[in-house]
Each structure stands twice: as structure tokens, then as C-alpha cells.
Amino acid sequence: MFRISERFSFIPDGRIGVARNLSANQWLAIWSVKSVAIQSDGKIVVAGYSGNGLESDFAVARYNVDSRVGIENTVEESTLNISPNPFGNELLIKGTKEKGEIIISDVLGKEILRQKTFSLETKINTEKLLLGFYVLNYTEGNKTEIMTIVKF
């Protein structure tokens, strides 16, 4: 890996642009990540390409991490059973009660969905949620449970 006085910026379609000043020539390289995966051993694999309009390169990188990526659940003994997790367009939560409330937030804390609970099972339509990690906050009376959920 090498570095040449780079300036990073996001271009309108979300890719990363890199402006480099090599001699008198200015050119822009575009980096595009096509796939990211977390292996069972915790290593992260990224595949994508970069190019400047004339040439392009394909690359696969594997990153070693010292700890697991993600958010740990803060509840030691949960009374909730969330399935499936990772989920698709519907999430089933068992163990809810009457007069409870579920709030789903993104990892930055922005509330995405709020739903009251009325029975021991609560179904949530998650069709409009984007793929990614979310935090589920269940409150019933003075009891709160917080869990991490993933839409795949």
C-alpha cells in the first residue's frame, strides 16, 4: 500500500473520489466498493474497483480485527425472543406484553419506527427499512430491554 498526497471527497453517487497531483497532471480516481462481508472468524472482506476513466483495477482486501464488529446487547437475561434475526420484511417479537412499546432506531440513534404492543407476540412490518444494523428498544412499565437487530 502506498500514499500520494491524497484528498478524499464523496462524489454525488456516494462513491469516494481521490484527487491526486502528480507532476503537472491532475486526475480523479473513483473507488467503488461492490461487496463487504464479515467472515465467521471476524475478519472483514471488501471487494471493489478503482479507476480514472481510462484504466481500472479490481481489488479484494481482507482486514484483521482484534474484536467483534457491532453493538453488544446490554441485557443479560432477555425476556424477548426476536426472530428471525437477521430479518427480512417482517420481525416477530415474542415476550411482549400489553401496554408495551417498541422503538427501532438506526445506529446513530435516529428513531425509524415506533409501535405499541398489545399481546405476547408482536409482528412488525419492516419492509420499508433499509438493509443494516438497528437498535430495538422495548419498554413496558419501568422495564427496558435494548437489543441489536440486523436487516439482511
N, C-alpha and C. Protein backbone atom coordinates (compact mmCIF):
# COMPACT_ATOMS: atom_id res chain seq x y z
N MET A 1 0.84 -1.17 0.00
CA MET A 1 0.00 0.00 0.00
C MET A 1 0.89 1.24 0.00
N PHE A 2 0.50 2.26 -0.74
CA PHE A 2 1.26 3.50 -0.78
C PHE A 2 0.32 4.68 -0.69
N ARG A 3 0.86 5.84 -0.42
CA ARG A 3 0.04 7.03 -0.28
C ARG A 3 0.71 8.17 -1.04
N ILE A 4 -0.10 8.89 -1.83
CA ILE A 4 0.41 10.02 -2.60
C ILE A 4 -0.47 11.23 -2.29
N SER A 5 -0.14 12.03 -1.32
CA SER A 5 -0.83 13.27 -1.00
C SER A 5 -2.26 13.30 -1.53
N GLU A 6 -3.14 12.55 -0.90
CA GLU A 6 -4.49 12.39 -1.43
C GLU A 6 -5.48 13.31 -0.72
N ARG A 7 -6.49 13.74 -1.46
CA ARG A 7 -7.63 14.47 -0.91
C ARG A 7 -8.86 13.64 -1.19
N PHE A 8 -9.54 13.19 -0.15
CA PHE A 8 -10.72 12.36 -0.33
C PHE A 8 -11.97 13.23 -0.37
N SER A 9 -12.93 12.84 -1.20
CA SER A 9 -14.22 13.52 -1.23
C SER A 9 -15.26 12.54 -1.75
N PHE A 10 -16.52 12.78 -1.37
CA PHE A 10 -17.60 11.96 -1.88
C PHE A 10 -18.17 12.62 -3.12
N ILE A 11 -18.36 11.83 -4.17
CA ILE A 11 -18.98 12.36 -5.38
C ILE A 11 -20.48 12.09 -5.28
N PRO A 12 -21.31 12.75 -6.12
CA PRO A 12 -22.77 12.69 -5.94
C PRO A 12 -23.38 11.30 -5.82
N ASP A 13 -22.83 10.28 -6.46
CA ASP A 13 -23.46 8.95 -6.38
C ASP A 13 -22.99 8.17 -5.15
N GLY A 14 -22.23 8.79 -4.24
CA GLY A 14 -21.84 8.15 -2.99
C GLY A 14 -20.48 7.48 -3.01
N ARG A 15 -19.84 7.38 -4.19
CA ARG A 15 -18.52 6.78 -4.24
C ARG A 15 -17.49 7.78 -3.73
N ILE A 16 -16.28 7.29 -3.46
CA ILE A 16 -15.22 8.15 -2.95
C ILE A 16 -14.32 8.56 -4.10
N GLY A 17 -14.08 9.84 -4.25
CA GLY A 17 -13.17 10.35 -5.27
C GLY A 17 -11.86 10.74 -4.62
N VAL A 18 -10.76 10.53 -5.32
CA VAL A 18 -9.45 10.88 -4.80
C VAL A 18 -8.76 11.76 -5.81
N ALA A 19 -8.47 13.00 -5.45
CA ALA A 19 -7.74 13.89 -6.35
C ALA A 19 -6.26 13.78 -6.02
N ARG A 20 -5.45 13.50 -7.01
CA ARG A 20 -4.01 13.38 -6.80
C ARG A 20 -3.30 14.39 -7.70
N ASN A 21 -2.24 14.97 -7.21
CA ASN A 21 -1.45 15.89 -8.00
C ASN A 21 -0.13 15.21 -8.31
N LEU A 22 -0.02 14.68 -9.51
CA LEU A 22 1.20 14.01 -9.95
C LEU A 22 1.85 14.88 -11.03
N SER A 23 3.00 15.44 -10.73
CA SER A 23 3.68 16.39 -11.62
C SER A 23 2.71 17.52 -11.94
N ALA A 24 2.50 17.79 -13.24
CA ALA A 24 1.60 18.86 -13.63
C ALA A 24 0.20 18.33 -13.94
N ASN A 25 0.03 17.01 -13.88
CA ASN A 25 -1.26 16.42 -14.26
C ASN A 25 -2.16 16.23 -13.05
N GLN A 26 -3.41 16.65 -13.17
CA GLN A 26 -4.44 16.39 -12.15
C GLN A 26 -5.34 15.32 -12.71
N TRP A 27 -5.67 14.32 -11.90
CA TRP A 27 -6.65 13.34 -12.35
C TRP A 27 -7.46 12.86 -11.16
N LEU A 28 -8.60 12.30 -11.42
CA LEU A 28 -9.51 11.86 -10.38
C LEU A 28 -9.69 10.36 -10.47
N ALA A 29 -9.42 9.65 -9.38
CA ALA A 29 -9.66 8.21 -9.33
C ALA A 29 -10.94 7.97 -8.54
N ILE A 30 -11.76 7.06 -9.01
CA ILE A 30 -13.00 6.72 -8.34
C ILE A 30 -12.86 5.35 -7.70
N TRP A 31 -13.15 5.24 -6.41
CA TRP A 31 -13.13 3.96 -5.71
C TRP A 31 -14.56 3.53 -5.50
N SER A 32 -14.88 2.29 -5.83
CA SER A 32 -16.24 1.78 -5.67
C SER A 32 -16.19 0.42 -4.99
N VAL A 33 -16.81 0.31 -3.83
CA VAL A 33 -16.89 -0.96 -3.11
C VAL A 33 -18.13 -1.68 -3.60
N LYS A 34 -17.98 -2.91 -4.06
CA LYS A 34 -19.09 -3.69 -4.59
C LYS A 34 -19.63 -4.70 -3.59
N SER A 35 -18.80 -5.14 -2.64
CA SER A 35 -19.27 -6.14 -1.69
C SER A 35 -18.44 -6.07 -0.41
N VAL A 36 -19.11 -6.24 0.73
CA VAL A 36 -18.45 -6.30 2.03
C VAL A 36 -19.02 -7.50 2.77
N ALA A 37 -18.16 -8.30 3.39
CA ALA A 37 -18.64 -9.46 4.15
C ALA A 37 -17.82 -9.59 5.43
N ILE A 38 -18.47 -10.10 6.47
CA ILE A 38 -17.77 -10.41 7.72
C ILE A 38 -17.71 -11.92 7.82
N GLN A 39 -16.49 -12.46 7.88
CA GLN A 39 -16.31 -13.90 7.95
C GLN A 39 -16.57 -14.41 9.37
N SER A 40 -16.74 -15.72 9.50
CA SER A 40 -17.03 -16.32 10.81
C SER A 40 -15.92 -16.08 11.83
N ASP A 41 -14.69 -15.85 11.35
CA ASP A 41 -13.58 -15.57 12.27
C ASP A 41 -13.46 -14.09 12.60
N GLY A 42 -14.42 -13.26 12.14
CA GLY A 42 -14.43 -11.84 12.46
C GLY A 42 -13.68 -10.96 11.48
N LYS A 43 -13.00 -11.54 10.51
CA LYS A 43 -12.27 -10.74 9.53
C LYS A 43 -13.24 -10.15 8.50
N ILE A 44 -12.92 -8.96 8.03
CA ILE A 44 -13.78 -8.25 7.08
C ILE A 44 -13.16 -8.36 5.69
N VAL A 45 -13.98 -8.75 4.70
CA VAL A 45 -13.53 -8.87 3.31
C VAL A 45 -14.26 -7.81 2.49
N VAL A 46 -13.50 -7.03 1.72
CA VAL A 46 -14.05 -5.97 0.88
C VAL A 46 -13.59 -6.20 -0.55
N ALA A 47 -14.52 -6.10 -1.50
CA ALA A 47 -14.17 -6.25 -2.92
C ALA A 47 -14.71 -5.04 -3.68
N GLY A 48 -13.93 -4.57 -4.64
CA GLY A 48 -14.36 -3.42 -5.42
C GLY A 48 -13.34 -3.07 -6.47
N TYR A 49 -13.48 -1.87 -7.03
CA TYR A 49 -12.55 -1.45 -8.06
C TYR A 49 -12.29 0.05 -7.96
N SER A 50 -11.25 0.49 -8.63
CA SER A 50 -10.96 1.91 -8.74
C SER A 50 -10.57 2.19 -10.18
N GLY A 51 -10.77 3.40 -10.59
CA GLY A 51 -10.42 3.76 -11.96
C GLY A 51 -10.46 5.26 -12.16
N ASN A 52 -9.89 5.71 -13.28
CA ASN A 52 -9.85 7.13 -13.58
C ASN A 52 -10.52 7.46 -14.91
N GLY A 53 -11.28 6.52 -15.46
CA GLY A 53 -11.92 6.74 -16.75
C GLY A 53 -11.17 6.09 -17.89
N LEU A 54 -9.86 5.92 -17.74
CA LEU A 54 -9.04 5.29 -18.78
C LEU A 54 -8.62 3.89 -18.37
N GLU A 55 -8.30 3.74 -17.09
CA GLU A 55 -7.85 2.46 -16.57
C GLU A 55 -8.65 2.11 -15.33
N SER A 56 -8.75 0.81 -15.04
CA SER A 56 -9.41 0.42 -13.79
C SER A 56 -8.72 -0.81 -13.22
N ASP A 57 -8.81 -0.96 -11.91
CA ASP A 57 -8.22 -2.08 -11.19
C ASP A 57 -9.27 -2.69 -10.29
N PHE A 58 -9.24 -4.02 -10.14
CA PHE A 58 -10.12 -4.73 -9.23
C PHE A 58 -9.30 -5.14 -8.02
N ALA A 59 -9.88 -5.07 -6.84
CA ALA A 59 -9.13 -5.43 -5.63
C ALA A 59 -10.03 -6.15 -4.64
N VAL A 60 -9.42 -7.06 -3.89
CA VAL A 60 -10.07 -7.72 -2.76
C VAL A 60 -9.14 -7.53 -1.57
N ALA A 61 -9.69 -7.05 -0.46
CA ALA A 61 -8.88 -6.83 0.74
C ALA A 61 -9.52 -7.57 1.91
N ARG A 62 -8.67 -8.13 2.76
CA ARG A 62 -9.16 -8.82 3.96
C ARG A 62 -8.54 -8.12 5.17
N TYR A 63 -9.39 -7.64 6.07
CA TYR A 63 -8.94 -6.88 7.22
C TYR A 63 -9.04 -7.73 8.48
N ASN A 64 -7.97 -7.75 9.26
CA ASN A 64 -7.97 -8.44 10.54
C ASN A 64 -8.43 -7.46 11.60
N VAL A 65 -9.34 -7.90 12.44
CA VAL A 65 -9.82 -7.05 13.53
C VAL A 65 -9.57 -7.76 14.85
N ASP A 66 -9.26 -6.98 15.87
CA ASP A 66 -8.97 -7.55 17.18
C ASP A 66 -10.22 -7.89 17.97
N SER A 67 -11.33 -7.25 17.66
CA SER A 67 -12.57 -7.54 18.38
C SER A 67 -13.72 -7.61 17.40
N ARG A 68 -14.85 -8.11 17.86
CA ARG A 68 -16.01 -8.25 17.01
C ARG A 68 -16.55 -6.87 16.65
N VAL A 69 -17.07 -6.78 15.45
CA VAL A 69 -17.67 -5.54 14.98
C VAL A 69 -19.14 -5.57 15.37
N GLY A 70 -19.65 -4.45 15.86
CA GLY A 70 -21.07 -4.40 16.17
C GLY A 70 -21.34 -3.85 17.55
N ILE A 71 -22.57 -4.00 17.96
CA ILE A 71 -23.03 -3.48 19.23
C ILE A 71 -23.42 -4.67 20.09
N GLU A 72 -22.93 -4.71 21.31
CA GLU A 72 -23.29 -5.81 22.20
C GLU A 72 -24.62 -5.52 22.86
N ASN A 73 -25.42 -6.57 23.05
CA ASN A 73 -26.67 -6.40 23.77
C ASN A 73 -26.38 -6.04 25.22
N THR A 74 -27.15 -5.10 25.76
CA THR A 74 -26.91 -4.64 27.12
C THR A 74 -27.74 -5.40 28.15
N VAL A 75 -28.63 -6.28 27.72
CA VAL A 75 -29.48 -7.04 28.63
C VAL A 75 -28.88 -8.43 28.82
N GLU A 76 -28.65 -8.82 30.07
CA GLU A 76 -28.06 -10.13 30.33
C GLU A 76 -29.06 -11.25 30.10
N GLU A 77 -30.25 -11.12 30.67
CA GLU A 77 -31.28 -12.14 30.52
C GLU A 77 -32.51 -11.50 29.90
N SER A 78 -32.65 -11.65 28.61
CA SER A 78 -33.77 -11.03 27.90
C SER A 78 -35.01 -11.90 28.02
N THR A 79 -36.14 -11.25 28.18
CA THR A 79 -37.42 -11.97 28.16
C THR A 79 -38.00 -11.99 26.76
N LEU A 80 -37.35 -11.29 25.84
CA LEU A 80 -37.83 -11.22 24.46
C LEU A 80 -37.17 -12.29 23.60
N ASN A 81 -37.91 -12.77 22.63
CA ASN A 81 -37.38 -13.68 21.62
C ASN A 81 -37.67 -13.03 20.28
N ILE A 82 -36.62 -12.58 19.60
CA ILE A 82 -36.77 -11.89 18.33
C ILE A 82 -36.37 -12.84 17.22
N SER A 83 -37.28 -13.02 16.25
CA SER A 83 -36.95 -13.92 15.14
C SER A 83 -37.61 -13.44 13.85
N PRO A 84 -37.01 -13.69 12.73
CA PRO A 84 -35.60 -14.09 12.63
C PRO A 84 -34.71 -12.88 12.87
N ASN A 85 -33.48 -13.10 13.20
CA ASN A 85 -32.51 -12.02 13.34
C ASN A 85 -31.17 -12.55 12.86
N PRO A 86 -30.72 -12.19 11.68
CA PRO A 86 -31.16 -11.13 10.77
C PRO A 86 -32.56 -11.42 10.20
N PHE A 87 -33.27 -10.33 9.88
CA PHE A 87 -34.64 -10.42 9.41
C PHE A 87 -34.77 -9.85 8.00
N GLY A 88 -35.93 -10.12 7.40
CA GLY A 88 -36.23 -9.59 6.07
C GLY A 88 -37.28 -8.50 6.17
N ASN A 89 -38.50 -8.80 5.69
CA ASN A 89 -39.56 -7.79 5.67
C ASN A 89 -40.52 -7.88 6.84
N GLU A 90 -40.27 -8.83 7.76
CA GLU A 90 -41.13 -8.94 8.94
C GLU A 90 -40.31 -9.44 10.12
N LEU A 91 -40.63 -8.91 11.27
CA LEU A 91 -39.93 -9.26 12.50
C LEU A 91 -40.98 -9.71 13.51
N LEU A 92 -40.77 -10.87 14.14
CA LEU A 92 -41.69 -11.38 15.15
C LEU A 92 -41.01 -11.30 16.52
N ILE A 93 -41.68 -10.64 17.46
CA ILE A 93 -41.13 -10.48 18.80
C ILE A 93 -42.06 -11.19 19.78
N LYS A 94 -41.54 -12.22 20.45
CA LYS A 94 -42.31 -12.95 21.46
C LYS A 94 -41.85 -12.50 22.84
N GLY A 95 -42.81 -12.41 23.76
CA GLY A 95 -42.48 -12.00 25.12
C GLY A 95 -42.90 -10.57 25.42
N THR A 96 -43.55 -9.91 24.46
CA THR A 96 -44.05 -8.56 24.71
C THR A 96 -45.32 -8.65 25.56
N LYS A 97 -45.74 -7.54 26.10
CA LYS A 97 -46.93 -7.50 26.95
C LYS A 97 -47.86 -6.39 26.48
N GLU A 98 -49.06 -6.39 27.08
CA GLU A 98 -49.97 -5.27 26.81
C GLU A 98 -49.33 -3.99 27.32
N LYS A 99 -49.62 -2.92 26.66
CA LYS A 99 -49.15 -1.58 27.05
C LYS A 99 -47.64 -1.43 27.00
N GLY A 100 -46.99 -2.21 26.16
CA GLY A 100 -45.57 -2.04 25.94
C GLY A 100 -45.34 -1.19 24.69
N GLU A 101 -44.10 -0.84 24.44
CA GLU A 101 -43.78 -0.04 23.25
C GLU A 101 -42.43 -0.48 22.69
N ILE A 102 -42.38 -0.57 21.37
CA ILE A 102 -41.15 -0.92 20.67
C ILE A 102 -40.72 0.29 19.84
N ILE A 103 -39.46 0.65 19.99
CA ILE A 103 -38.88 1.72 19.17
C ILE A 103 -37.67 1.13 18.47
N ILE A 104 -37.63 1.27 17.15
CA ILE A 104 -36.47 0.83 16.37
C ILE A 104 -35.74 2.08 15.90
N SER A 105 -34.45 2.14 16.20
CA SER A 105 -33.61 3.29 15.82
C SER A 105 -32.44 2.80 14.99
N ASP A 106 -31.89 3.71 14.17
CA ASP A 106 -30.66 3.36 13.47
C ASP A 106 -29.50 3.46 14.46
N VAL A 107 -28.30 3.09 14.03
CA VAL A 107 -27.16 3.06 14.95
C VAL A 107 -26.71 4.45 15.38
N LEU A 108 -27.22 5.49 14.72
CA LEU A 108 -26.91 6.86 15.13
C LEU A 108 -27.93 7.39 16.12
N GLY A 109 -28.97 6.59 16.43
CA GLY A 109 -29.97 6.99 17.41
C GLY A 109 -31.22 7.62 16.83
N LYS A 110 -31.31 7.73 15.51
CA LYS A 110 -32.49 8.31 14.87
C LYS A 110 -33.63 7.29 14.91
N GLU A 111 -34.78 7.73 15.45
CA GLU A 111 -35.94 6.84 15.52
C GLU A 111 -36.47 6.55 14.13
N ILE A 112 -36.61 5.27 13.80
CA ILE A 112 -37.08 4.84 12.49
C ILE A 112 -38.52 4.36 12.55
N LEU A 113 -38.88 3.68 13.65
CA LEU A 113 -40.20 3.07 13.76
C LEU A 113 -40.60 3.00 15.23
N ARG A 114 -41.90 3.24 15.49
CA ARG A 114 -42.44 3.15 16.86
C ARG A 114 -43.75 2.39 16.78
N GLN A 115 -43.91 1.39 17.67
CA GLN A 115 -45.13 0.58 17.64
C GLN A 115 -45.50 0.15 19.05
N LYS A 116 -46.78 0.26 19.40
CA LYS A 116 -47.31 -0.21 20.68
C LYS A 116 -47.46 -1.73 20.63
N THR A 117 -47.38 -2.37 21.80
CA THR A 117 -47.60 -3.82 21.88
C THR A 117 -48.90 -4.06 22.64
N PHE A 118 -49.63 -5.11 22.21
CA PHE A 118 -50.94 -5.40 22.80
C PHE A 118 -51.08 -6.84 23.27
N SER A 119 -50.08 -7.69 23.03
CA SER A 119 -50.19 -9.11 23.38
C SER A 119 -48.80 -9.70 23.59
N LEU A 120 -48.75 -11.03 23.75
CA LEU A 120 -47.47 -11.72 23.99
C LEU A 120 -46.60 -11.82 22.75
N GLU A 121 -47.20 -11.62 21.57
CA GLU A 121 -46.44 -11.63 20.31
C GLU A 121 -46.73 -10.35 19.55
N THR A 122 -45.70 -9.78 18.98
CA THR A 122 -45.85 -8.55 18.19
C THR A 122 -45.16 -8.75 16.86
N LYS A 123 -45.90 -8.53 15.77
CA LYS A 123 -45.31 -8.57 14.43
C LYS A 123 -45.06 -7.14 13.97
N ILE A 124 -43.90 -6.94 13.37
CA ILE A 124 -43.55 -5.62 12.85
C ILE A 124 -43.23 -5.76 11.38
N ASN A 125 -43.89 -4.94 10.56
CA ASN A 125 -43.60 -4.90 9.13
C ASN A 125 -42.36 -4.04 8.94
N THR A 126 -41.29 -4.65 8.44
CA THR A 126 -40.01 -3.95 8.28
C THR A 126 -39.65 -3.75 6.81
N GLU A 127 -40.66 -3.86 5.95
CA GLU A 127 -40.43 -3.77 4.51
C GLU A 127 -39.75 -2.46 4.11
N LYS A 128 -40.08 -1.36 4.79
CA LYS A 128 -39.55 -0.05 4.40
C LYS A 128 -38.17 0.25 5.00
N LEU A 129 -37.69 -0.62 5.90
CA LEU A 129 -36.37 -0.40 6.48
C LEU A 129 -35.29 -0.76 5.47
N LEU A 130 -34.22 0.02 5.45
CA LEU A 130 -33.07 -0.29 4.60
C LEU A 130 -32.26 -1.41 5.25
N LEU A 131 -31.44 -2.09 4.46
CA LEU A 131 -30.56 -3.12 4.99
C LEU A 131 -29.58 -2.48 5.97
N GLY A 132 -29.31 -3.16 7.08
CA GLY A 132 -28.35 -2.61 8.02
C GLY A 132 -28.63 -3.00 9.46
N PHE A 133 -27.87 -2.39 10.37
CA PHE A 133 -27.98 -2.64 11.80
C PHE A 133 -28.96 -1.65 12.42
N TYR A 134 -29.75 -2.13 13.38
CA TYR A 134 -30.71 -1.29 14.09
C TYR A 134 -30.66 -1.63 15.57
N VAL A 135 -31.17 -0.72 16.39
CA VAL A 135 -31.29 -0.94 17.82
C VAL A 135 -32.77 -1.00 18.15
N LEU A 136 -33.19 -2.11 18.76
CA LEU A 136 -34.58 -2.29 19.18
C LEU A 136 -34.67 -2.00 20.67
N ASN A 137 -35.55 -1.08 21.04
CA ASN A 137 -35.75 -0.69 22.42
C ASN A 137 -37.18 -1.05 22.80
N TYR A 138 -37.33 -1.99 23.73
CA TYR A 138 -38.67 -2.41 24.20
C TYR A 138 -38.86 -1.89 25.62
N THR A 139 -39.96 -1.16 25.83
CA THR A 139 -40.27 -0.62 27.15
C THR A 139 -41.65 -1.09 27.57
N GLU A 140 -41.73 -1.55 28.81
CA GLU A 140 -43.02 -1.96 29.38
C GLU A 140 -42.96 -1.62 30.87
N GLY A 141 -43.77 -0.64 31.28
CA GLY A 141 -43.70 -0.16 32.66
C GLY A 141 -42.35 0.48 32.92
N ASN A 142 -41.67 0.03 33.99
CA ASN A 142 -40.35 0.58 34.30
C ASN A 142 -39.21 -0.32 33.79
N LYS A 143 -39.56 -1.30 32.96
CA LYS A 143 -38.57 -2.25 32.42
C LYS A 143 -38.23 -1.87 30.98
N THR A 144 -36.94 -1.86 30.66
CA THR A 144 -36.48 -1.56 29.30
C THR A 144 -35.49 -2.62 28.86
N GLU A 145 -35.64 -3.10 27.64
CA GLU A 145 -34.67 -4.02 27.04
C GLU A 145 -34.18 -3.42 25.73
N ILE A 146 -32.89 -3.52 25.50
CA ILE A 146 -32.29 -2.98 24.28
C ILE A 146 -31.54 -4.12 23.60
N MET A 147 -31.83 -4.31 22.31
CA MET A 147 -31.18 -5.39 21.56
C MET A 147 -30.77 -4.88 20.18
N THR A 148 -29.76 -5.50 19.62
CA THR A 148 -29.32 -5.19 18.27
C THR A 148 -30.02 -6.14 17.30
N ILE A 149 -30.54 -5.58 16.21
CA ILE A 149 -31.16 -6.39 15.16
C ILE A 149 -30.55 -6.00 13.82
N VAL A 150 -30.62 -6.93 12.86
CA VAL A 150 -29.99 -6.70 11.56
C VAL A 150 -30.98 -7.04 10.45
N LYS A 151 -31.17 -6.09 9.51
CA LYS A 151 -31.97 -6.39 8.32
C LYS A 151 -31.01 -6.80 7.22
N PHE A 152 -31.25 -7.98 6.67
CA PHE A 152 -30.41 -8.54 5.62
C PHE A 152 -31.17 -8.63 4.34
